[in-house]
Amino acid sequence: MTVQEGEVEQTQCNCCGKPTTVVTGYLTSGDYSAGWYTVGVTLDAPGHLPLLRLYIGDWSEGAGPDERWGFRIGIDGDGPQLVDWSAEDRSEAAPVFTPLDRAQVLGTPMERQIFTLVERILTQDSRL
């Protein structure tokens, strides 16, 4: 699996208006696109941890939400941790991908795969 760095966007935090940097990246395996991610970091905002959003599955034109999954991973001093999706975000995502929460991942074979991808992203994306 290879991490390819993508765009960098400067925006504002939705809840506090502080400057936020969002980096995008892509996960590939040979010619196969395995997924993509964003990491948002809000500076000078206590309680705002970096948030990695990881999207995996089939993102081709004909695929649907049952073939695509999204994860939210908060990053703090203890390392990456799965974070549940809010009801609003879950509703917005449903037509495009299946948002998975902690209870749907922890203790399953997917858990190791997700954290392996997260580790790869955090160590191979030079912007993080």
Protein backbone atom coordinates (compact mmCIF):
# COMPACT_ATOMS: atom_id res chain seq x y z
CA MET A 1 0.00 0.00 0.00
CA THR A 2 1.35 3.39 -1.01
CA VAL A 3 0.39 6.80 0.37
CA GLN A 4 0.20 9.58 -2.21
CA GLU A 5 -0.06 13.13 -0.93
CA GLY A 6 -2.83 15.27 -2.39
CA GLU A 7 -4.21 18.74 -1.88
CA VAL A 8 -3.83 21.10 1.08
CA GLU A 9 -6.77 23.36 1.94
CA GLN A 10 -6.86 26.29 4.34
CA THR A 11 -10.32 26.75 5.83
CA GLN A 12 -12.05 27.67 9.10
CA CYS A 13 -13.34 25.38 11.82
CA ASN A 14 -17.11 24.93 11.62
CA CYS A 15 -17.62 25.36 15.35
CA CYS A 16 -15.12 28.03 16.40
CA GLY A 17 -13.97 29.75 13.20
CA LYS A 18 -10.25 29.21 13.93
CA PRO A 19 -7.90 28.55 10.98
CA THR A 20 -7.89 24.89 9.98
CA THR A 21 -5.58 23.04 7.61
CA VAL A 22 -6.98 20.00 5.80
CA VAL A 23 -4.65 17.70 3.89
CA THR A 24 -5.89 15.05 1.47
CA GLY A 25 -4.13 11.87 0.45
CA TYR A 26 -4.73 8.68 -1.50
CA LEU A 27 -4.04 5.00 -0.82
CA THR A 28 -3.00 2.87 -3.78
CA SER A 29 -1.82 -0.67 -4.34
CA GLY A 30 -0.26 -0.90 -7.78
CA ASP A 31 -2.88 0.42 -10.20
CA TYR A 32 -5.70 -0.13 -7.68
CA SER A 33 -7.12 2.81 -5.73
CA ALA A 34 -7.70 1.46 -2.22
CA GLY A 35 -9.08 4.63 -0.68
CA TRP A 36 -8.43 8.20 0.35
CA TYR A 37 -8.23 10.29 3.50
CA THR A 38 -8.31 13.78 4.91
CA VAL A 39 -6.68 15.08 8.08
CA GLY A 40 -7.92 18.32 9.59
CA VAL A 41 -5.90 20.26 12.16
CA THR A 42 -7.24 23.38 13.91
CA LEU A 43 -4.49 25.42 15.52
CA ASP A 44 -4.84 27.40 18.74
CA ALA A 45 -8.13 25.70 19.58
CA PRO A 46 -8.03 23.74 22.85
CA GLY A 47 -10.06 20.55 22.65
CA HIS A 48 -9.76 20.34 18.86
CA LEU A 49 -7.78 17.21 18.16
CA PRO A 50 -6.51 16.37 14.69
CA LEU A 51 -9.19 14.32 12.91
CA LEU A 52 -8.38 11.78 10.24
CA ARG A 53 -11.23 10.68 7.99
CA LEU A 54 -10.44 7.45 6.15
CA TYR A 55 -12.52 6.21 3.22
CA ILE A 56 -11.97 2.75 1.76
CA GLY A 57 -13.77 0.47 -0.67
CA ASP A 58 -14.90 0.69 -4.26
CA TRP A 59 -15.12 4.35 -5.29
CA SER A 60 -15.75 3.61 -8.96
CA GLU A 61 -18.75 5.19 -10.71
CA GLY A 62 -21.04 2.14 -10.40
CA ALA A 63 -20.35 1.34 -6.74
CA GLY A 64 -22.78 2.25 -3.99
CA PRO A 65 -22.66 3.03 -0.26
CA ASP A 66 -22.66 -0.67 0.70
CA GLU A 67 -19.30 -1.04 -1.05
CA ARG A 68 -17.65 2.03 0.55
CA TRP A 69 -16.85 2.69 4.20
CA GLY A 70 -15.80 5.73 6.16
CA PHE A 71 -14.04 6.00 9.52
CA ARG A 72 -13.26 8.92 11.82
CA ILE A 73 -10.05 8.68 13.80
CA GLY A 74 -9.13 11.25 16.43
CA ILE A 75 -5.44 11.68 17.19
CA ASP A 76 -4.35 12.65 20.68
CA GLY A 77 -1.39 12.05 22.99
CA ASP A 78 -2.38 8.39 23.35
CA GLY A 79 -2.38 7.90 19.57
CA PRO A 80 -5.16 7.31 17.04
CA GLN A 81 -8.61 6.32 18.31
CA LEU A 82 -11.83 5.61 16.43
CA VAL A 83 -14.49 8.28 16.87
CA ASP A 84 -18.21 7.79 16.27
CA TRP A 85 -19.99 9.76 13.53
CA SER A 86 -22.56 12.36 14.58
CA ALA A 87 -26.15 11.70 13.52
CA GLU A 88 -25.98 14.65 11.11
CA ASP A 89 -22.74 13.43 9.49
CA ARG A 90 -24.09 9.86 9.32
CA SER A 91 -27.23 11.04 7.55
CA GLU A 92 -25.25 13.16 5.09
CA ALA A 93 -22.87 10.26 4.31
CA ALA A 94 -25.48 7.51 3.89
CA PRO A 95 -26.17 8.05 0.17
CA VAL A 96 -22.43 7.94 -0.62
CA PHE A 97 -20.75 5.53 1.85
CA THR A 98 -21.38 3.56 5.02
CA PRO A 99 -20.00 5.41 8.06
CA LEU A 100 -18.73 2.92 10.65
CA ASP A 101 -18.50 3.66 14.37
CA ARG A 102 -16.20 2.19 17.04
CA ALA A 103 -18.59 -0.64 17.98
CA GLN A 104 -18.73 -1.77 14.35
CA VAL A 105 -14.92 -1.98 14.04
CA LEU A 106 -13.32 -2.73 17.42
CA GLY A 107 -12.87 -6.44 18.02
CA THR A 108 -13.40 -7.32 14.35
CA PRO A 109 -10.80 -8.32 11.71
CA MET A 110 -11.29 -4.86 10.21
CA GLU A 111 -9.80 -3.20 13.31
CA ARG A 112 -6.25 -4.33 12.57
CA GLN A 113 -6.56 -3.39 8.90
CA ILE A 114 -7.83 0.11 9.70
CA PHE A 115 -5.11 0.84 12.24
CA THR A 116 -2.45 -0.51 9.85
CA LEU A 117 -3.67 1.98 7.23
CA VAL A 118 -3.76 4.79 9.80
CA GLU A 119 -0.19 4.03 10.87
CA ARG A 120 0.93 4.04 7.24
CA ILE A 121 -0.77 7.39 6.63
CA LEU A 122 0.71 8.99 9.75
CA THR A 123 4.23 7.77 8.97
CA GLN A 124 4.28 8.23 5.17
CA ASP A 125 2.47 11.53 4.64
CA SER A 126 5.25 14.09 5.11
CA ARG A 127 2.75 16.84 5.99
CA LEU A 128 1.62 15.09 9.18
